[in-house]
Amino acid sequence: MKKIEAIIQPHKLEDVKEALKGIGVDGMTITEVRGHGRQKGHKEVYRGQEYHVDLLPKVKLEMVVPTDRCEQIINTLVSAARTGKIGDGKIFTYDVAEAIRIRNNDRGETAL
């Protein structure tokens, strides 16, 4: 099993959710986060004052998936989240040793 974490632009969330639903991915955790990468934020003017906004709003998706579906899910994430501009985000994958469904003690991929 693999854990996929994707940091994406907030306005791409619905596109990503629909694309994942289209390939049969239902379970995911979504968190609103703030951060920056190479772009280091941007400047905004509010009431005549210039402010440096260095932590930009992002969305983090987390899901644990069977290893054999990982590459398909990553490709779907990339194509749905890409705008072609700086700040599109990142995807990270991790190995998962065990998954346990609390309700009935299912273990491994059956718990997904």
N, C-alpha and C. Protein backbone atom coordinates (compact mmCIF):
# COMPACT_ATOMS: atom_id res chain seq x y z
N MET A 1 0.85 -1.18 0.00
CA MET A 1 0.00 0.00 0.00
C MET A 1 0.88 1.23 0.00
N LYS A 2 0.37 2.30 -0.57
CA LYS A 2 1.08 3.57 -0.64
C LYS A 2 0.19 4.68 -0.10
N LYS A 3 0.83 5.65 0.54
CA LYS A 3 0.14 6.88 0.93
C LYS A 3 0.56 7.94 -0.06
N ILE A 4 -0.43 8.63 -0.62
CA ILE A 4 -0.17 9.73 -1.55
C ILE A 4 -0.59 11.02 -0.87
N GLU A 5 0.33 11.98 -0.82
CA GLU A 5 0.02 13.33 -0.35
C GLU A 5 0.21 14.27 -1.52
N ALA A 6 -0.79 15.06 -1.80
CA ALA A 6 -0.71 16.03 -2.89
C ALA A 6 -1.03 17.41 -2.34
N ILE A 7 -0.15 18.37 -2.62
CA ILE A 7 -0.38 19.77 -2.27
C ILE A 7 -0.74 20.47 -3.58
N ILE A 8 -1.96 21.03 -3.64
CA ILE A 8 -2.44 21.62 -4.89
C ILE A 8 -3.02 23.01 -4.66
N GLN A 9 -3.30 23.70 -5.76
CA GLN A 9 -3.96 25.00 -5.70
C GLN A 9 -5.41 24.80 -5.27
N PRO A 10 -5.94 25.65 -4.38
CA PRO A 10 -7.33 25.49 -3.91
C PRO A 10 -8.36 25.48 -5.04
N HIS A 11 -8.15 26.29 -6.07
CA HIS A 11 -9.15 26.36 -7.14
C HIS A 11 -9.17 25.11 -8.02
N LYS A 12 -8.20 24.22 -7.86
CA LYS A 12 -8.17 22.98 -8.64
C LYS A 12 -8.78 21.79 -7.88
N LEU A 13 -9.23 22.01 -6.64
CA LEU A 13 -9.73 20.92 -5.82
C LEU A 13 -10.90 20.19 -6.47
N GLU A 14 -11.88 20.90 -6.95
CA GLU A 14 -13.06 20.24 -7.55
C GLU A 14 -12.67 19.43 -8.78
N ASP A 15 -11.78 19.97 -9.62
CA ASP A 15 -11.32 19.23 -10.80
C ASP A 15 -10.63 17.93 -10.39
N VAL A 16 -9.80 18.00 -9.36
CA VAL A 16 -9.07 16.83 -8.89
C VAL A 16 -10.04 15.80 -8.30
N LYS A 17 -10.98 16.25 -7.47
CA LYS A 17 -11.95 15.33 -6.88
C LYS A 17 -12.76 14.62 -7.96
N GLU A 18 -13.21 15.34 -8.96
CA GLU A 18 -13.99 14.73 -10.05
C GLU A 18 -13.15 13.74 -10.85
N ALA A 19 -11.89 14.09 -11.11
CA ALA A 19 -11.01 13.18 -11.86
C ALA A 19 -10.76 11.90 -11.07
N LEU A 20 -10.54 12.02 -9.76
CA LEU A 20 -10.31 10.84 -8.93
C LEU A 20 -11.57 10.00 -8.82
N LYS A 21 -12.72 10.65 -8.70
CA LYS A 21 -13.98 9.92 -8.65
C LYS A 21 -14.18 9.15 -9.96
N GLY A 22 -13.76 9.75 -11.07
CA GLY A 22 -13.89 9.12 -12.38
C GLY A 22 -13.10 7.83 -12.54
N ILE A 23 -12.03 7.67 -11.76
CA ILE A 23 -11.25 6.43 -11.83
C ILE A 23 -11.51 5.54 -10.62
N GLY A 24 -12.54 5.86 -9.83
CA GLY A 24 -12.96 4.99 -8.74
C GLY A 24 -12.29 5.22 -7.40
N VAL A 25 -11.68 6.39 -7.21
CA VAL A 25 -11.07 6.71 -5.91
C VAL A 25 -12.08 7.51 -5.10
N ASP A 26 -12.50 6.94 -3.97
CA ASP A 26 -13.50 7.61 -3.14
C ASP A 26 -12.92 8.19 -1.86
N GLY A 27 -12.06 7.44 -1.19
CA GLY A 27 -11.58 7.86 0.12
C GLY A 27 -10.38 8.78 0.06
N MET A 28 -10.50 9.92 0.68
CA MET A 28 -9.38 10.85 0.78
C MET A 28 -9.63 11.80 1.94
N THR A 29 -8.57 12.38 2.45
CA THR A 29 -8.65 13.41 3.47
C THR A 29 -8.16 14.70 2.85
N ILE A 30 -8.91 15.77 3.07
CA ILE A 30 -8.56 17.07 2.48
C ILE A 30 -8.38 18.07 3.61
N THR A 31 -7.26 18.79 3.56
CA THR A 31 -6.94 19.77 4.59
C THR A 31 -6.55 21.09 3.92
N GLU A 32 -7.06 22.20 4.44
CA GLU A 32 -6.60 23.51 3.97
C GLU A 32 -5.30 23.83 4.69
N VAL A 33 -4.26 24.14 3.91
CA VAL A 33 -2.95 24.43 4.48
C VAL A 33 -2.41 25.72 3.88
N ARG A 34 -1.30 26.19 4.41
CA ARG A 34 -0.63 27.38 3.89
C ARG A 34 0.85 27.05 3.75
N GLY A 35 1.47 27.61 2.74
CA GLY A 35 2.89 27.36 2.55
C GLY A 35 3.40 28.05 1.30
N HIS A 36 4.66 27.81 1.01
CA HIS A 36 5.23 28.33 -0.23
C HIS A 36 6.37 27.43 -0.65
N GLY A 37 6.66 27.48 -1.92
CA GLY A 37 7.80 26.76 -2.48
C GLY A 37 8.78 27.77 -3.01
N ARG A 38 9.20 27.57 -4.22
CA ARG A 38 10.18 28.47 -4.83
C ARG A 38 9.66 29.88 -5.06
N GLN A 39 8.33 30.03 -5.21
CA GLN A 39 7.81 31.37 -5.54
C GLN A 39 7.91 32.33 -4.36
N LYS A 40 8.08 31.83 -3.14
CA LYS A 40 8.28 32.65 -1.94
C LYS A 40 7.19 33.69 -1.70
N GLY A 41 5.97 33.43 -2.17
CA GLY A 41 4.87 34.35 -1.92
C GLY A 41 4.79 35.46 -2.95
N HIS A 42 4.06 36.50 -2.60
CA HIS A 42 3.88 37.64 -3.51
C HIS A 42 3.53 38.88 -2.70
N LYS A 43 3.53 40.03 -3.37
CA LYS A 43 3.18 41.30 -2.72
C LYS A 43 1.75 41.67 -3.08
N GLU A 44 1.04 42.22 -2.11
CA GLU A 44 -0.32 42.71 -2.32
C GLU A 44 -0.41 44.11 -1.75
N VAL A 45 -1.30 44.91 -2.32
CA VAL A 45 -1.54 46.26 -1.82
C VAL A 45 -2.94 46.29 -1.23
N TYR A 46 -3.04 46.71 0.03
CA TYR A 46 -4.32 46.82 0.71
C TYR A 46 -4.39 48.18 1.38
N ARG A 47 -5.36 48.97 0.96
CA ARG A 47 -5.56 50.33 1.47
C ARG A 47 -4.28 51.16 1.39
N GLY A 48 -3.61 51.03 0.28
CA GLY A 48 -2.43 51.84 0.03
C GLY A 48 -1.14 51.30 0.63
N GLN A 49 -1.22 50.28 1.44
CA GLN A 49 -0.03 49.69 2.05
C GLN A 49 0.35 48.42 1.30
N GLU A 50 1.63 48.24 1.10
CA GLU A 50 2.11 47.04 0.44
C GLU A 50 2.46 45.98 1.48
N TYR A 51 1.96 44.77 1.27
CA TYR A 51 2.21 43.65 2.18
C TYR A 51 2.85 42.50 1.42
N HIS A 52 3.77 41.82 2.09
CA HIS A 52 4.38 40.63 1.50
C HIS A 52 3.66 39.41 2.06
N VAL A 53 2.99 38.67 1.19
CA VAL A 53 2.27 37.46 1.58
C VAL A 53 3.18 36.29 1.25
N ASP A 54 3.77 35.68 2.29
CA ASP A 54 4.74 34.62 2.02
C ASP A 54 4.18 33.22 2.26
N LEU A 55 3.03 33.10 2.90
CA LEU A 55 2.39 31.79 3.06
C LEU A 55 1.09 31.80 2.27
N LEU A 56 1.08 31.07 1.17
CA LEU A 56 -0.05 31.06 0.25
C LEU A 56 -1.01 29.92 0.60
N PRO A 57 -2.31 30.13 0.37
CA PRO A 57 -3.27 29.05 0.64
C PRO A 57 -3.10 27.90 -0.35
N LYS A 58 -3.11 26.69 0.18
CA LYS A 58 -3.01 25.47 -0.62
C LYS A 58 -3.99 24.46 -0.04
N VAL A 59 -4.18 23.35 -0.73
CA VAL A 59 -5.01 22.25 -0.26
C VAL A 59 -4.15 21.00 -0.26
N LYS A 60 -4.21 20.22 0.83
CA LYS A 60 -3.47 18.96 0.89
C LYS A 60 -4.46 17.81 0.85
N LEU A 61 -4.26 16.91 -0.12
CA LEU A 61 -5.05 15.68 -0.22
C LEU A 61 -4.18 14.53 0.25
N GLU A 62 -4.76 13.65 1.04
CA GLU A 62 -4.06 12.47 1.51
C GLU A 62 -4.93 11.26 1.23
N MET A 63 -4.33 10.20 0.72
CA MET A 63 -5.06 8.96 0.48
C MET A 63 -4.11 7.78 0.56
N VAL A 64 -4.62 6.66 1.03
CA VAL A 64 -3.85 5.42 1.05
C VAL A 64 -4.49 4.51 0.00
N VAL A 65 -3.65 4.01 -0.91
CA VAL A 65 -4.16 3.28 -2.07
C VAL A 65 -3.37 1.99 -2.25
N PRO A 66 -3.95 1.02 -2.97
CA PRO A 66 -3.18 -0.19 -3.30
C PRO A 66 -1.97 0.18 -4.17
N THR A 67 -0.87 -0.49 -3.97
CA THR A 67 0.37 -0.18 -4.71
C THR A 67 0.16 -0.24 -6.21
N ASP A 68 -0.62 -1.19 -6.69
CA ASP A 68 -0.79 -1.35 -8.13
C ASP A 68 -1.61 -0.23 -8.78
N ARG A 69 -2.32 0.57 -7.99
CA ARG A 69 -3.08 1.70 -8.54
C ARG A 69 -2.37 3.03 -8.36
N CYS A 70 -1.25 3.05 -7.67
CA CYS A 70 -0.57 4.29 -7.30
C CYS A 70 -0.21 5.14 -8.52
N GLU A 71 0.40 4.55 -9.52
CA GLU A 71 0.85 5.32 -10.68
C GLU A 71 -0.32 5.92 -11.45
N GLN A 72 -1.41 5.16 -11.60
CA GLN A 72 -2.61 5.67 -12.28
C GLN A 72 -3.19 6.87 -11.53
N ILE A 73 -3.23 6.78 -10.21
CA ILE A 73 -3.79 7.86 -9.39
C ILE A 73 -2.90 9.09 -9.47
N ILE A 74 -1.58 8.90 -9.43
CA ILE A 74 -0.65 10.03 -9.54
C ILE A 74 -0.82 10.71 -10.89
N ASN A 75 -0.91 9.94 -11.96
CA ASN A 75 -1.09 10.54 -13.30
C ASN A 75 -2.39 11.32 -13.39
N THR A 76 -3.44 10.81 -12.78
CA THR A 76 -4.72 11.51 -12.77
C THR A 76 -4.62 12.81 -11.97
N LEU A 77 -3.97 12.75 -10.81
CA LEU A 77 -3.76 13.95 -9.99
C LEU A 77 -3.00 15.02 -10.77
N VAL A 78 -1.91 14.62 -11.40
CA VAL A 78 -1.08 15.57 -12.13
C VAL A 78 -1.87 16.24 -13.25
N SER A 79 -2.59 15.45 -14.04
CA SER A 79 -3.31 16.04 -15.17
C SER A 79 -4.46 16.93 -14.71
N ALA A 80 -5.12 16.60 -13.60
CA ALA A 80 -6.24 17.40 -13.12
C ALA A 80 -5.80 18.66 -12.40
N ALA A 81 -4.62 18.63 -11.74
CA ALA A 81 -4.18 19.77 -10.92
C ALA A 81 -3.29 20.75 -11.69
N ARG A 82 -2.76 20.35 -12.83
CA ARG A 82 -1.78 21.17 -13.54
C ARG A 82 -2.42 22.39 -14.20
N THR A 83 -1.81 23.56 -13.95
CA THR A 83 -2.16 24.78 -14.69
C THR A 83 -1.01 25.19 -15.60
N GLY A 84 0.18 24.68 -15.32
CA GLY A 84 1.36 25.04 -16.10
C GLY A 84 2.08 26.25 -15.54
N LYS A 85 1.61 26.77 -14.42
CA LYS A 85 2.23 27.95 -13.81
C LYS A 85 2.91 27.56 -12.51
N ILE A 86 3.81 28.42 -12.05
CA ILE A 86 4.50 28.18 -10.80
C ILE A 86 3.48 28.10 -9.67
N GLY A 87 3.73 27.19 -8.74
CA GLY A 87 2.82 27.04 -7.60
C GLY A 87 1.77 25.96 -7.78
N ASP A 88 1.88 25.13 -8.83
CA ASP A 88 0.90 24.07 -9.06
C ASP A 88 0.90 23.05 -7.94
N GLY A 89 2.03 22.83 -7.28
CA GLY A 89 2.06 21.94 -6.14
C GLY A 89 3.04 20.80 -6.28
N LYS A 90 2.91 19.84 -5.37
CA LYS A 90 3.81 18.68 -5.30
C LYS A 90 3.00 17.46 -4.91
N ILE A 91 3.54 16.28 -5.25
CA ILE A 91 2.97 15.00 -4.83
C ILE A 91 4.08 14.21 -4.17
N PHE A 92 3.77 13.61 -3.02
CA PHE A 92 4.72 12.76 -2.30
C PHE A 92 4.07 11.40 -2.10
N THR A 93 4.88 10.33 -2.17
CA THR A 93 4.37 8.99 -1.89
C THR A 93 5.19 8.34 -0.79
N TYR A 94 4.52 7.54 0.01
CA TYR A 94 5.15 6.84 1.13
C TYR A 94 4.67 5.39 1.13
N ASP A 95 5.50 4.50 1.63
CA ASP A 95 5.07 3.12 1.86
C ASP A 95 4.26 3.07 3.15
N VAL A 96 3.19 2.30 3.13
CA VAL A 96 2.34 2.12 4.31
C VAL A 96 2.48 0.68 4.78
N ALA A 97 2.84 0.49 6.02
CA ALA A 97 3.06 -0.85 6.56
C ALA A 97 1.75 -1.57 6.86
N GLU A 98 0.75 -0.85 7.34
CA GLU A 98 -0.49 -1.50 7.76
C GLU A 98 -1.63 -0.49 7.73
N ALA A 99 -2.82 -0.99 7.41
CA ALA A 99 -4.05 -0.19 7.51
C ALA A 99 -5.07 -1.03 8.27
N ILE A 100 -5.77 -0.42 9.20
CA ILE A 100 -6.74 -1.14 10.03
C ILE A 100 -8.03 -0.33 10.07
N ARG A 101 -9.13 -0.97 9.69
CA ARG A 101 -10.43 -0.32 9.81
C ARG A 101 -10.91 -0.54 11.24
N ILE A 102 -11.15 0.53 11.95
CA ILE A 102 -11.50 0.47 13.37
C ILE A 102 -12.83 -0.25 13.59
N ARG A 103 -13.80 -0.02 12.72
CA ARG A 103 -15.15 -0.57 12.90
C ARG A 103 -15.17 -2.09 13.04
N ASN A 104 -14.43 -2.79 12.16
CA ASN A 104 -14.53 -4.25 12.16
C ASN A 104 -13.17 -4.97 12.15
N ASN A 105 -12.11 -4.22 12.36
CA ASN A 105 -10.75 -4.75 12.44
C ASN A 105 -10.24 -5.34 11.12
N ASP A 106 -10.82 -4.92 9.97
CA ASP A 106 -10.24 -5.30 8.68
C ASP A 106 -8.83 -4.78 8.61
N ARG A 107 -7.94 -5.58 7.99
CA ARG A 107 -6.55 -5.18 7.90
C ARG A 107 -6.05 -5.25 6.47
N GLY A 108 -5.01 -4.45 6.20
CA GLY A 108 -4.40 -4.43 4.87
C GLY A 108 -5.29 -3.73 3.86
N GLU A 109 -5.22 -4.17 2.60
CA GLU A 109 -5.97 -3.49 1.53
C GLU A 109 -7.47 -3.61 1.71
N THR A 110 -7.95 -4.63 2.42
CA THR A 110 -9.40 -4.73 2.66
C THR A 110 -9.91 -3.61 3.56
N ALA A 111 -9.00 -2.99 4.32
CA ALA A 111 -9.39 -1.87 5.18
C ALA A 111 -9.55 -0.57 4.40
N LEU A 112 -9.04 -0.55 3.18
CA LEU A 112 -9.14 0.67 2.38
C LEU A 112 -10.55 0.79 1.84
